[in-house]
């Protein structure tokens, strides 16, 4: 098949660890489309943040769909808002955090996948709420 299509009705969401304050709605990954890229909508609860992390070979792009946040990367900090794009290069330790009063939503794409999709899927399933679905469908 020359393409893969995903719809809101079949999007699966997961938290990597039960105590995480961010979760992922998977758009495409190795499991559902066979591609070497992972694309998710990453959702941060109010005050939520990623744990510090880095990637060996992957570029990671965050595009802010809704909300406000801050990125910390190798000792540098930048604020993020709707319409901002942030590219984190391989090997750079980074943290993204929600600094707003509502959820922060980012389109997050990692190329290559580096098994990130499998890590997400190994976590706890999450049900998307009405706000999540509204942002994903805007």
Foldseek 3Di string as FASTA:
>chain_A
DPDDADDPVPFWKFDLEPPAQKIWGWGDDCVRGNDQKTKTKIKGFAFGKDDWDFAAAKKKKWAWLAAKKWKAKPRDIDIDGHGDMDIDGGPITMMITGPGPGMTIITMMIPRPNCVVVSRVVGGIDDDDPVRSVSVVD
